[in-house]
Amino acid sequence: MIQFLTMIAANDLRQGVIFEHNGTTYQVLEFERFKKARAKGIVNIKARNVATNGVQELSFKSGDKVDDGSAVNVNLEFVYADKRREILIFSDPETKKRIELSETIVGESKRNFLVQGLIIQALASSDDLETAQIYDVTLPKTIEVEVTEAPPNDKGDTASGSTKPVTISSGAKISTPFFISAGDWIKVNTELGTYIERVNS
């Protein structure tokens, strides 16, 4: 587990950091620093309210301090998506207890690459997953997934660099070379949403 410091200098805020301000817990999305001659620097923050998912702009002097969000990193295993309730079901890999997260916390770009059994890392308020609040999740940079649907390969579609859209086991669509077929397993970059290579033939 990674435990953060009790207080954070505003000048040290970075993307992804959890902090508390005026009783509200935020996660830094973007930050900018400005400094004028003979004046303290200004730190402008665009932050997500982790309780409401609303985005707010905050401004601090570089010498200001904010309370640390007391976050820890925990592992979660993806089980399935409850599309009707727009809920994603995870479990604690050790205890197998179920944890429900809203799709808005995970985000669509990450949701596209959640496959059953995938272990992800979650930023949580504590390591007690029954009571913890989940702030954010991080997927492995690359994963291996099965291609479930792919258009047939046409003889005229063999030009170097040509691609076609395929559907992977998470339900997402990505572009792959024309030689990829349904049933193939491929490696994809979850950050870019791109094909890397075929891992079986």
Protein backbone atom coordinates (compact mmCIF):
# COMPACT_ATOMS: atom_id res chain seq x y z
CA MET A 1 0.00 0.00 0.00
CA ILE A 2 1.11 3.57 -0.68
CA GLN A 3 0.23 6.11 2.01
CA PHE A 4 0.45 9.78 1.14
CA LEU A 5 1.66 12.60 3.38
CA THR A 6 -0.67 14.38 5.84
CA MET A 7 -0.31 17.78 4.16
CA ILE A 8 0.50 18.67 0.57
CA ALA A 9 2.02 21.97 -0.56
CA ALA A 10 -0.08 23.47 -3.33
CA ASN A 11 3.07 23.78 -5.42
CA ASP A 12 3.49 19.98 -5.22
CA LEU A 13 0.03 19.09 -6.53
CA ARG A 14 0.22 16.88 -9.60
CA GLN A 15 -2.24 15.19 -11.92
CA GLY A 16 -3.99 12.32 -10.14
CA VAL A 17 -3.20 13.49 -6.58
CA ILE A 18 -6.06 13.31 -4.06
CA PHE A 19 -6.46 16.21 -1.63
CA GLU A 20 -9.06 17.79 0.65
CA HIS A 21 -10.09 21.45 0.59
CA ASN A 22 -12.84 23.03 2.67
CA GLY A 23 -14.16 19.60 3.63
CA THR A 24 -14.38 18.31 0.05
CA THR A 25 -12.17 15.63 -1.49
CA TYR A 26 -10.76 16.36 -4.94
CA GLN A 27 -8.55 14.68 -7.51
CA VAL A 28 -6.25 16.86 -9.61
CA LEU A 29 -7.03 16.69 -13.33
CA GLU A 30 -4.88 19.56 -14.59
CA PHE A 31 -2.56 22.11 -13.01
CA GLU A 32 -0.71 25.26 -14.05
CA ARG A 33 1.84 27.35 -12.18
CA PHE A 34 2.42 31.07 -12.64
CA LYS A 35 5.01 33.31 -11.01
CA LYS A 36 5.42 37.06 -11.25
CA ALA A 37 8.48 39.02 -10.20
CA ARG A 38 8.64 39.65 -6.43
CA ALA A 39 5.36 37.83 -5.90
CA LYS A 40 4.41 34.38 -4.72
CA GLY A 41 3.58 31.90 -7.44
CA ILE A 42 0.00 30.95 -8.19
CA VAL A 43 -1.15 27.37 -8.73
CA ASN A 44 -4.33 26.96 -10.75
CA ILE A 45 -5.98 23.56 -10.43
CA LYS A 46 -8.74 21.86 -12.36
CA ALA A 47 -10.00 19.18 -9.99
CA ARG A 48 -12.72 16.52 -9.85
CA ASN A 49 -15.00 16.37 -6.84
CA VAL A 50 -14.76 12.64 -6.08
CA ALA A 51 -18.21 12.57 -4.45
CA THR A 52 -20.14 14.21 -7.30
CA ASN A 53 -17.70 13.82 -10.24
CA GLY A 54 -18.18 17.54 -10.88
CA VAL A 55 -15.17 19.51 -12.12
CA GLN A 56 -14.11 22.71 -10.39
CA GLU A 57 -11.31 25.23 -10.87
CA LEU A 58 -9.34 26.17 -7.76
CA SER A 59 -6.50 28.63 -7.22
CA PHE A 60 -3.80 28.54 -4.50
CA LYS A 61 -0.68 30.47 -3.62
CA SER A 62 2.43 28.34 -3.98
CA GLY A 63 3.01 28.46 -0.21
CA ASP A 64 -0.48 27.23 0.65
CA LYS A 65 -1.02 23.71 1.94
CA VAL A 66 -3.98 21.38 1.56
CA ASP A 67 -4.96 18.26 3.45
CA ASP A 68 -3.88 15.00 1.93
CA GLY A 69 -6.70 12.72 0.77
CA SER A 70 -5.21 9.77 2.69
CA ALA A 71 -5.44 7.46 -0.30
CA VAL A 72 -4.04 3.96 -0.74
CA ASN A 73 -3.63 1.73 -3.79
CA VAL A 74 -5.63 -1.51 -3.77
CA ASN A 75 -6.17 -4.25 -6.34
CA LEU A 76 -9.61 -5.09 -7.74
CA GLU A 77 -10.68 -7.88 -10.08
CA PHE A 78 -13.30 -7.11 -12.72
CA VAL A 79 -16.29 -9.48 -12.65
CA TYR A 80 -19.01 -8.11 -14.93
CA ALA A 81 -20.97 -5.02 -16.00
CA ASP A 82 -24.56 -4.47 -14.92
CA LYS A 83 -25.61 -2.39 -17.92
CA ARG A 84 -29.15 -1.82 -16.66
CA ARG A 85 -27.91 -0.08 -13.51
CA GLU A 86 -24.77 1.33 -15.18
CA ILE A 87 -22.73 -0.37 -12.47
CA LEU A 88 -19.45 -2.26 -12.77
CA ILE A 89 -18.95 -5.21 -10.44
CA PHE A 90 -15.48 -5.89 -9.04
CA SER A 91 -14.21 -8.18 -6.31
CA ASP A 92 -11.42 -8.18 -3.77
CA PRO A 93 -8.91 -10.70 -5.24
CA GLU A 94 -8.19 -12.05 -1.75
CA THR A 95 -11.59 -12.18 -0.05
CA LYS A 96 -13.75 -12.35 -3.23
CA LYS A 97 -16.16 -9.83 -1.70
CA ARG A 98 -18.00 -7.82 -4.35
CA ILE A 99 -17.58 -4.07 -4.83
CA GLU A 100 -19.85 -1.96 -7.04
CA LEU A 101 -18.53 1.09 -8.91
CA SER A 102 -20.46 3.47 -11.11
CA GLU A 103 -19.39 3.68 -14.74
CA THR A 104 -18.71 7.41 -14.27
CA ILE A 105 -15.93 6.69 -11.76
CA VAL A 106 -14.21 4.29 -14.14
CA GLY A 107 -14.76 6.36 -17.28
CA GLU A 108 -15.69 5.19 -20.76
CA SER A 109 -12.14 4.93 -22.10
CA LYS A 110 -11.18 2.49 -19.31
CA ARG A 111 -14.54 0.72 -19.37
CA ASN A 112 -13.84 -0.24 -22.99
CA PHE A 113 -11.02 -2.55 -21.91
CA LEU A 114 -12.48 -4.23 -18.84
CA VAL A 115 -12.58 -7.99 -19.38
CA GLN A 116 -13.57 -10.63 -16.86
CA GLY A 117 -10.73 -11.51 -14.50
CA LEU A 118 -8.67 -8.38 -15.25
CA ILE A 119 -6.82 -7.07 -12.19
CA ILE A 120 -6.80 -3.29 -11.96
CA GLN A 121 -5.43 -0.84 -9.41
CA ALA A 122 -7.82 1.44 -7.56
CA LEU A 123 -7.07 4.58 -5.57
CA ALA A 124 -9.18 4.26 -2.42
CA SER A 125 -9.76 6.13 0.82
CA SER A 126 -8.64 3.04 2.80
CA ASP A 127 -7.75 -0.61 2.31
CA ASP A 128 -11.06 -1.69 3.89
CA LEU A 129 -12.97 -2.16 0.64
CA GLU A 130 -16.31 -2.62 2.41
CA THR A 131 -16.28 1.00 3.59
CA ALA A 132 -13.68 2.66 1.35
CA GLN A 133 -14.49 5.27 -1.26
CA ILE A 134 -12.92 4.59 -4.64
CA TYR A 135 -11.46 7.73 -6.22
CA ASP A 136 -9.99 6.44 -9.46
CA VAL A 137 -8.88 3.26 -11.22
CA THR A 138 -5.86 2.42 -13.37
CA LEU A 139 -5.73 -0.40 -15.90
CA PRO A 140 -2.59 -2.29 -16.91
CA LYS A 141 -0.95 -0.44 -19.80
CA THR A 142 -1.36 -3.49 -22.04
CA ILE A 143 -3.80 -6.40 -21.93
CA GLU A 144 -4.48 -9.47 -24.04
CA VAL A 145 -8.04 -9.85 -25.33
CA GLU A 146 -9.93 -12.10 -27.72
CA VAL A 147 -11.34 -10.79 -30.99
CA THR A 148 -15.02 -11.76 -30.99
CA GLU A 149 -16.09 -10.20 -34.29
CA ALA A 150 -14.08 -9.28 -37.38
CA PRO A 151 -15.08 -8.61 -40.99
CA PRO A 152 -13.78 -11.13 -43.53
CA ASN A 153 -10.45 -10.51 -45.18
CA ASP A 154 -10.84 -9.40 -48.79
CA LYS A 155 -8.10 -10.13 -51.28
CA GLY A 156 -7.84 -6.47 -52.17
CA ASP A 157 -7.28 -5.40 -48.56
CA THR A 158 -3.66 -6.41 -48.16
CA ALA A 159 -1.98 -3.04 -48.65
CA SER A 160 0.65 -2.22 -46.05
CA GLY A 161 -0.85 -0.15 -43.23
CA SER A 162 -4.46 -1.05 -44.05
CA THR A 163 -6.70 -1.65 -41.04
CA LYS A 164 -10.21 -2.79 -40.23
CA PRO A 165 -12.48 -2.42 -37.17
CA VAL A 166 -12.89 -5.49 -34.95
CA THR A 167 -14.80 -6.14 -31.73
CA ILE A 168 -12.93 -7.45 -28.70
CA SER A 169 -14.24 -9.45 -25.75
CA SER A 170 -14.96 -6.31 -23.70
CA GLY A 171 -17.36 -5.14 -26.43
CA ALA A 172 -15.11 -2.30 -27.60
CA LYS A 173 -14.09 -1.78 -31.21
CA ILE A 174 -10.50 -1.12 -32.26
CA SER A 175 -8.60 -1.01 -35.53
CA THR A 176 -6.34 -3.94 -36.41
CA PRO A 177 -4.46 -5.18 -39.49
CA PHE A 178 -6.57 -7.06 -42.04
CA PHE A 179 -5.07 -10.46 -41.16
CA ILE A 180 -6.75 -10.45 -37.72
CA SER A 181 -9.76 -12.78 -37.52
CA ALA A 182 -12.45 -13.65 -34.97
CA GLY A 183 -10.99 -15.98 -32.35
CA ASP A 184 -7.53 -14.41 -32.45
CA TRP A 185 -6.00 -13.07 -29.26
CA ILE A 186 -4.33 -9.69 -29.53
CA LYS A 187 -2.39 -7.33 -27.28
CA VAL A 188 -3.76 -3.80 -27.01
CA ASN A 189 -2.59 -0.56 -25.41
CA THR A 190 -5.32 0.48 -22.95
CA GLU A 191 -4.08 4.08 -22.69
CA LEU A 192 -4.19 4.71 -26.44
CA GLY A 193 -6.87 2.16 -27.33
CA THR A 194 -4.66 0.74 -30.06
CA TYR A 195 -3.62 -2.65 -31.40
CA ILE A 196 -0.05 -3.79 -30.63
CA GLU A 197 0.31 -7.34 -31.95
CA ARG A 198 -1.33 -10.72 -32.36
CA VAL A 199 -0.39 -13.13 -29.58
CA ASN A 200 -1.54 -16.34 -31.25
CA SER A 201 -1.95 -17.60 -34.79
